[in-house]
């Protein structure tokens, strides 16, 4: 059942570097009141960069909330109002040192719909040309070139748990193998 909720008040309760936390008092369809806490996030992009031999370029980096390194597709945070494709191209260059002739939009995902406004835009990059990485200050990662078929297997075996990586890899694999 669809429910419409009306914001009555909105208060920013935290203003962080990456996120802003809000607490809104809302009115439900039945007239009752409730509180919604949510994060405003500018969104992000991720890039499945696949070469002519069907290798995909992944990055491995330490993720503090999980206390370990995770293997993911290259990704980055949008600035508020930034074009997702421009951000994706920038992140691919920064993290992998690559530029792409083809940059195809694969859609978007809402990774945490209950409490976060983040939208992640996914791209398939092909026709890759390589140069140097240009990592941000404080960013440390390793680039891995892995056969796409192996990364697909890793997703299906629950060896890669990052949501954006799973979705980008699955969409890319199905797109390149004519199943979409």
C-alpha atoms as a PDB file:
ATOM      1  CA  UNK A   1       0.000   0.000   0.000  1.00  0.00           C
ATOM      2  CA  UNK A   2       1.330   3.432  -0.969  1.00  0.00           C
ATOM      3  CA  UNK A   3       1.528   5.925   1.849  1.00  0.00           C
ATOM      4  CA  UNK A   4       2.065   9.602   1.460  1.00  0.00           C
ATOM      5  CA  UNK A   5       3.982  11.339   4.215  1.00  0.00           C
ATOM      6  CA  UNK A   6       4.033  15.104   4.699  1.00  0.00           C
ATOM      7  CA  UNK A   7       6.986  16.873   6.320  1.00  0.00           C
ATOM      8  CA  UNK A   8       5.898  19.186   9.124  1.00  0.00           C
ATOM      9  CA  UNK A   9       9.324  20.201  10.417  1.00  0.00           C
ATOM     10  CA  UNK A  10      12.871  19.489   9.333  1.00  0.00           C
ATOM     11  CA  UNK A  11      16.009  19.940  11.414  1.00  0.00           C
ATOM     12  CA  UNK A  12      19.599  19.295  10.359  1.00  0.00           C
ATOM     13  CA  UNK A  13      21.182  17.569  13.351  1.00  0.00           C
ATOM     14  CA  UNK A  14      24.611  16.803  11.890  1.00  0.00           C
ATOM     15  CA  UNK A  15      26.693  18.431   9.148  1.00  0.00           C
ATOM     16  CA  UNK A  16      29.571  16.136   8.238  1.00  0.00           C
ATOM     17  CA  UNK A  17      32.199  16.016   5.536  1.00  0.00           C
ATOM     18  CA  UNK A  18      30.353  13.335   3.550  1.00  0.00           C
ATOM     19  CA  UNK A  19      26.799  13.318   4.926  1.00  0.00           C
ATOM     20  CA  UNK A  20      24.211  15.569   6.492  1.00  0.00           C
ATOM     21  CA  UNK A  21      21.789  14.031   9.020  1.00  0.00           C
ATOM     22  CA  UNK A  22      18.222  15.302   9.326  1.00  0.00           C
ATOM     23  CA  UNK A  23      15.339  14.652  11.700  1.00  0.00           C
ATOM     24  CA  UNK A  24      11.911  15.441  10.283  1.00  0.00           C
ATOM     25  CA  UNK A  25       8.559  15.326  11.999  1.00  0.00           C
ATOM     26  CA  UNK A  26       6.027  14.022   9.505  1.00  0.00           C
ATOM     27  CA  UNK A  27       2.309  13.466   9.193  1.00  0.00           C
ATOM     28  CA  UNK A  28       1.144  10.068   7.980  1.00  0.00           C
ATOM     29  CA  UNK A  29      -1.896   9.471   5.737  1.00  0.00           C
ATOM     30  CA  UNK A  30      -3.996   8.642   8.797  1.00  0.00           C
ATOM     31  CA  UNK A  31      -3.117  11.983  10.433  1.00  0.00           C
ATOM     32  CA  UNK A  32      -0.750  10.554  13.036  1.00  0.00           C
ATOM     33  CA  UNK A  33       2.717  11.998  13.487  1.00  0.00           C
ATOM     34  CA  UNK A  34       6.056  10.231  13.308  1.00  0.00           C
ATOM     35  CA  UNK A  35       9.769  11.020  13.122  1.00  0.00           C
ATOM     36  CA  UNK A  36      12.027  10.227  10.182  1.00  0.00           C
ATOM     37  CA  UNK A  37      15.802  10.459  10.473  1.00  0.00           C
ATOM     38  CA  UNK A  38      17.711  10.325   7.228  1.00  0.00           C
ATOM     39  CA  UNK A  39      20.995  11.160   5.597  1.00  0.00           C
ATOM     40  CA  UNK A  40      21.286  13.564   2.691  1.00  0.00           C
ATOM     41  CA  UNK A  41      24.088  12.384   0.460  1.00  0.00           C
ATOM     42  CA  UNK A  42      25.123  13.884  -2.906  1.00  0.00           C
ATOM     43  CA  UNK A  43      25.247  10.439  -4.523  1.00  0.00           C
ATOM     44  CA  UNK A  44      27.996   8.674  -6.330  1.00  0.00           C
ATOM     45  CA  UNK A  45      29.134   6.792  -9.390  1.00  0.00           C
ATOM     46  CA  UNK A  46      30.778   3.481 -10.108  1.00  0.00           C
ATOM     47  CA  UNK A  47      32.485   2.268 -13.252  1.00  0.00           C
ATOM     48  CA  UNK A  48      32.817  -1.232 -14.660  1.00  0.00           C
ATOM     49  CA  UNK A  49      35.926  -0.707 -16.796  1.00  0.00           C
ATOM     50  CA  UNK A  50      36.319  -3.632 -19.211  1.00  0.00           C
ATOM     51  CA  UNK A  51      39.181  -4.033 -21.683  1.00  0.00           C
ATOM     52  CA  UNK A  52      39.153  -5.728 -25.103  1.00  0.00           C
ATOM     53  CA  UNK A  53      40.111  -9.078 -23.527  1.00  0.00           C
ATOM     54  CA  UNK A  54      37.132  -8.880 -21.133  1.00  0.00           C
ATOM     55  CA  UNK A  55      39.164  -8.124 -18.045  1.00  0.00           C
ATOM     56  CA  UNK A  56      37.551  -5.789 -15.531  1.00  0.00           C
ATOM     57  CA  UNK A  57      39.609  -3.301 -13.518  1.00  0.00           C
ATOM     58  CA  UNK A  58      38.871  -3.454  -9.813  1.00  0.00           C
ATOM     59  CA  UNK A  59      40.280  -1.524  -6.873  1.00  0.00           C
ATOM     60  CA  UNK A  60      41.102  -2.894  -3.462  1.00  0.00           C
ATOM     61  CA  UNK A  61      41.007  -0.446  -0.593  1.00  0.00           C
ATOM     62  CA  UNK A  62      40.588  -0.444   3.151  1.00  0.00           C
ATOM     63  CA  UNK A  63      37.034   0.365   4.243  1.00  0.00           C
ATOM     64  CA  UNK A  64      37.082   1.681   7.792  1.00  0.00           C
ATOM     65  CA  UNK A  65      33.493   0.764   8.802  1.00  0.00           C
ATOM     66  CA  UNK A  66      34.218  -2.912   8.029  1.00  0.00           C
ATOM     67  CA  UNK A  67      37.811  -2.934   9.268  1.00  0.00           C
ATOM     68  CA  UNK A  68      39.164  -4.625   6.156  1.00  0.00           C
ATOM     69  CA  UNK A  69      40.089  -4.134   2.519  1.00  0.00           C
ATOM     70  CA  UNK A  70      37.310  -4.686  -0.013  1.00  0.00           C
ATOM     71  CA  UNK A  71      37.568  -5.295  -3.738  1.00  0.00           C
ATOM     72  CA  UNK A  72      35.233  -3.003  -5.667  1.00  0.00           C
ATOM     73  CA  UNK A  73      34.685  -1.375  -9.019  1.00  0.00           C
ATOM     74  CA  UNK A  74      36.190   2.140  -9.171  1.00  0.00           C
ATOM     75  CA  UNK A  75      33.795   4.637  -7.637  1.00  0.00           C
ATOM     76  CA  UNK A  76      33.477   8.068  -6.147  1.00  0.00           C
ATOM     77  CA  UNK A  77      31.221  10.615  -4.519  1.00  0.00           C
ATOM     78  CA  UNK A  78      29.452  13.235  -6.574  1.00  0.00           C
ATOM     79  CA  UNK A  79      29.661  16.860  -5.636  1.00  0.00           C
ATOM     80  CA  UNK A  80      26.150  18.305  -5.208  1.00  0.00           C
ATOM     81  CA  UNK A  81      24.902  19.085  -8.745  1.00  0.00           C
ATOM     82  CA  UNK A  82      27.808  17.369 -10.543  1.00  0.00           C
ATOM     83  CA  UNK A  83      27.176  15.454 -13.788  1.00  0.00           C
ATOM     84  CA  UNK A  84      27.469  11.693 -13.038  1.00  0.00           C
ATOM     85  CA  UNK A  85      29.315  10.849 -16.278  1.00  0.00           C
ATOM     86  CA  UNK A  86      31.928  13.543 -15.675  1.00  0.00           C
ATOM     87  CA  UNK A  87      32.396  12.235 -12.140  1.00  0.00           C
ATOM     88  CA  UNK A  88      32.712   8.651 -13.411  1.00  0.00           C
ATOM     89  CA  UNK A  89      35.308   9.615 -15.988  1.00  0.00           C
ATOM     90  CA  UNK A  90      37.256  11.538 -13.341  1.00  0.00           C
ATOM     91  CA  UNK A  91      37.157   8.643 -10.871  1.00  0.00           C
ATOM     92  CA  UNK A  92      38.288   6.133 -13.523  1.00  0.00           C
ATOM     93  CA  UNK A  93      41.266   8.363 -14.358  1.00  0.00           C
ATOM     94  CA  UNK A  94      42.119   9.025 -10.707  1.00  0.00           C
ATOM     95  CA  UNK A  95      41.797   5.478  -9.402  1.00  0.00           C
ATOM     96  CA  UNK A  96      42.805   3.297 -12.370  1.00  0.00           C
ATOM     97  CA  UNK A  97      44.715   5.778 -14.533  1.00  0.00           C
ATOM     98  CA  UNK A  98      42.432   5.050 -17.483  1.00  0.00           C
ATOM     99  CA  UNK A  99      40.310   7.002 -19.935  1.00  0.00           C
ATOM    100  CA  UNK A 100      37.580   5.356 -21.983  1.00  0.00           C
ATOM    101  CA  UNK A 101      36.387   5.857 -25.560  1.00  0.00           C
ATOM    102  CA  UNK A 102      32.944   4.549 -24.608  1.00  0.00           C
ATOM    103  CA  UNK A 103      31.100   5.397 -21.395  1.00  0.00           C
ATOM    104  CA  UNK A 104      27.681   3.735 -21.295  1.00  0.00           C
ATOM    105  CA  UNK A 105      25.084   4.412 -18.610  1.00  0.00           C
ATOM    106  CA  UNK A 106      23.904   1.216 -16.897  1.00  0.00           C
ATOM    107  CA  UNK A 107      21.306   2.806 -14.624  1.00  0.00           C
ATOM    108  CA  UNK A 108      21.276   3.688 -10.968  1.00  0.00           C
ATOM    109  CA  UNK A 109      20.684   2.054  -7.606  1.00  0.00           C
ATOM    110  CA  UNK A 110      19.352   3.315  -4.284  1.00  0.00           C
ATOM    111  CA  UNK A 111      21.658   1.419  -1.889  1.00  0.00           C
ATOM    112  CA  UNK A 112      19.990   2.283   1.430  1.00  0.00           C
ATOM    113  CA  UNK A 113      16.391   3.355   0.845  1.00  0.00           C
ATOM    114  CA  UNK A 114      15.246   3.434   4.475  1.00  0.00           C
ATOM    115  CA  UNK A 115      17.475   6.267   5.694  1.00  0.00           C
ATOM    116  CA  UNK A 116      19.684   7.679   2.953  1.00  0.00           C
ATOM    117  CA  UNK A 117      19.104   9.758  -0.213  1.00  0.00           C
ATOM    118  CA  UNK A 118      22.219   8.368  -1.936  1.00  0.00           C
ATOM    119  CA  UNK A 119      21.814   7.354  -5.580  1.00  0.00           C
ATOM    120  CA  UNK A 120      24.710   5.554  -7.299  1.00  0.00           C
ATOM    121  CA  UNK A 121      24.985   5.890 -11.076  1.00  0.00           C
ATOM    122  CA  UNK A 122      26.639   2.946 -12.843  1.00  0.00           C
ATOM    123  CA  UNK A 123      28.661   3.068 -16.061  1.00  0.00           C
ATOM    124  CA  UNK A 124      30.333   0.582 -18.394  1.00  0.00           C
ATOM    125  CA  UNK A 125      33.631   1.944 -19.722  1.00  0.00           C
ATOM    126  CA  UNK A 126      35.247   0.390 -22.803  1.00  0.00           C
ATOM    127  CA  UNK A 127      37.996   1.333 -25.229  1.00  0.00           C
ATOM    128  CA  UNK A 128      40.401   1.874 -22.354  1.00  0.00           C
ATOM    129  CA  UNK A 129      43.669   3.823 -22.604  1.00  0.00           C
ATOM    130  CA  UNK A 130      46.005   3.850 -19.621  1.00  0.00           C
ATOM    131  CA  UNK A 131      48.175   6.492 -18.016  1.00  0.00           C
ATOM    132  CA  UNK A 132      48.975   7.344 -14.411  1.00  0.00           C
ATOM    133  CA  UNK A 133      46.739   7.219 -11.367  1.00  0.00           C
ATOM    134  CA  UNK A 134      45.967  10.508  -9.644  1.00  0.00           C
ATOM    135  CA  UNK A 135      44.703   9.437  -6.235  1.00  0.00           C
ATOM    136  CA  UNK A 136      43.148  11.948  -3.842  1.00  0.00           C
ATOM    137  CA  UNK A 137      45.088  12.897  -0.714  1.00  0.00           C
ATOM    138  CA  UNK A 138      44.602  10.146   1.856  1.00  0.00           C
ATOM    139  CA  UNK A 139      43.406   7.640  -0.753  1.00  0.00           C
ATOM    140  CA  UNK A 140      45.287   4.352  -0.933  1.00  0.00           C
ATOM    141  CA  UNK A 141      44.252   1.538  -3.238  1.00  0.00           C
ATOM    142  CA  UNK A 142      45.560  -1.201  -5.460  1.00  0.00           C
ATOM    143  CA  UNK A 143      44.284  -1.814  -8.992  1.00  0.00           C
ATOM    144  CA  UNK A 144      43.546  -5.388 -10.009  1.00  0.00           C
ATOM    145  CA  UNK A 145      42.907  -6.634 -13.532  1.00  0.00           C
ATOM    146  CA  UNK A 146      40.665  -9.706 -13.284  1.00  0.00           C
ATOM    147  CA  UNK A 147      38.766 -11.607 -15.983  1.00  0.00           C
ATOM    148  CA  UNK A 148      35.145 -10.455 -15.970  1.00  0.00           C
ATOM    149  CA  UNK A 149      33.975 -14.060 -15.886  1.00  0.00           C
ATOM    150  CA  UNK A 150      35.946 -14.590 -12.648  1.00  0.00           C
ATOM    151  CA  UNK A 151      34.526 -11.441 -11.047  1.00  0.00           C
ATOM    152  CA  UNK A 152      31.025 -12.576 -12.055  1.00  0.00           C
ATOM    153  CA  UNK A 153      31.750 -15.923 -10.347  1.00  0.00           C
ATOM    154  CA  UNK A 154      32.991 -14.060  -7.246  1.00  0.00           C
ATOM    155  CA  UNK A 155      29.765 -12.046  -7.079  1.00  0.00           C
ATOM    156  CA  UNK A 156      27.638 -15.178  -7.428  1.00  0.00           C
ATOM    157  CA  UNK A 157      29.725 -16.963  -4.751  1.00  0.00           C
ATOM    158  CA  UNK A 158      29.195 -14.049  -2.319  1.00  0.00           C
ATOM    159  CA  UNK A 159      32.902 -13.230  -2.313  1.00  0.00           C
ATOM    160  CA  UNK A 160      32.293  -9.574  -3.268  1.00  0.00           C
ATOM    161  CA  UNK A 161      29.764  -8.010  -0.921  1.00  0.00           C
ATOM    162  CA  UNK A 162      29.743  -4.384  -2.019  1.00  0.00           C
ATOM    163  CA  UNK A 163      26.287  -3.617  -3.479  1.00  0.00           C
ATOM    164  CA  UNK A 164      27.407  -1.218  -6.201  1.00  0.00           C
ATOM    165  CA  UNK A 165      30.056  -3.674  -7.341  1.00  0.00           C
ATOM    166  CA  UNK A 166      27.600  -6.548  -7.459  1.00  0.00           C
ATOM    167  CA  UNK A 167      25.079  -4.590  -9.502  1.00  0.00           C
ATOM    168  CA  UNK A 168      27.614  -3.098 -11.915  1.00  0.00           C
ATOM    169  CA  UNK A 169      29.298  -6.474 -12.486  1.00  0.00           C
ATOM    170  CA  UNK A 170      26.006  -8.327 -13.008  1.00  0.00           C
ATOM    171  CA  UNK A 171      24.666  -5.710 -15.420  1.00  0.00           C
ATOM    172  CA  UNK A 172      27.957  -5.609 -17.321  1.00  0.00           C
ATOM    173  CA  UNK A 173      28.261  -9.371 -17.571  1.00  0.00           C
ATOM    174  CA  UNK A 174      24.689  -9.794 -18.814  1.00  0.00           C
ATOM    175  CA  UNK A 175      25.026  -6.891 -21.242  1.00  0.00           C
ATOM    176  CA  UNK A 176      28.225  -8.251 -22.793  1.00  0.00           C
ATOM    177  CA  UNK A 177      26.881 -11.785 -23.026  1.00  0.00           C
ATOM    178  CA  UNK A 178      23.627 -10.859 -24.753  1.00  0.00           C
ATOM    179  CA  UNK A 179      21.311 -11.811 -21.915  1.00  0.00           C
ATOM    180  CA  UNK A 180      19.772  -8.383 -21.448  1.00  0.00           C
END
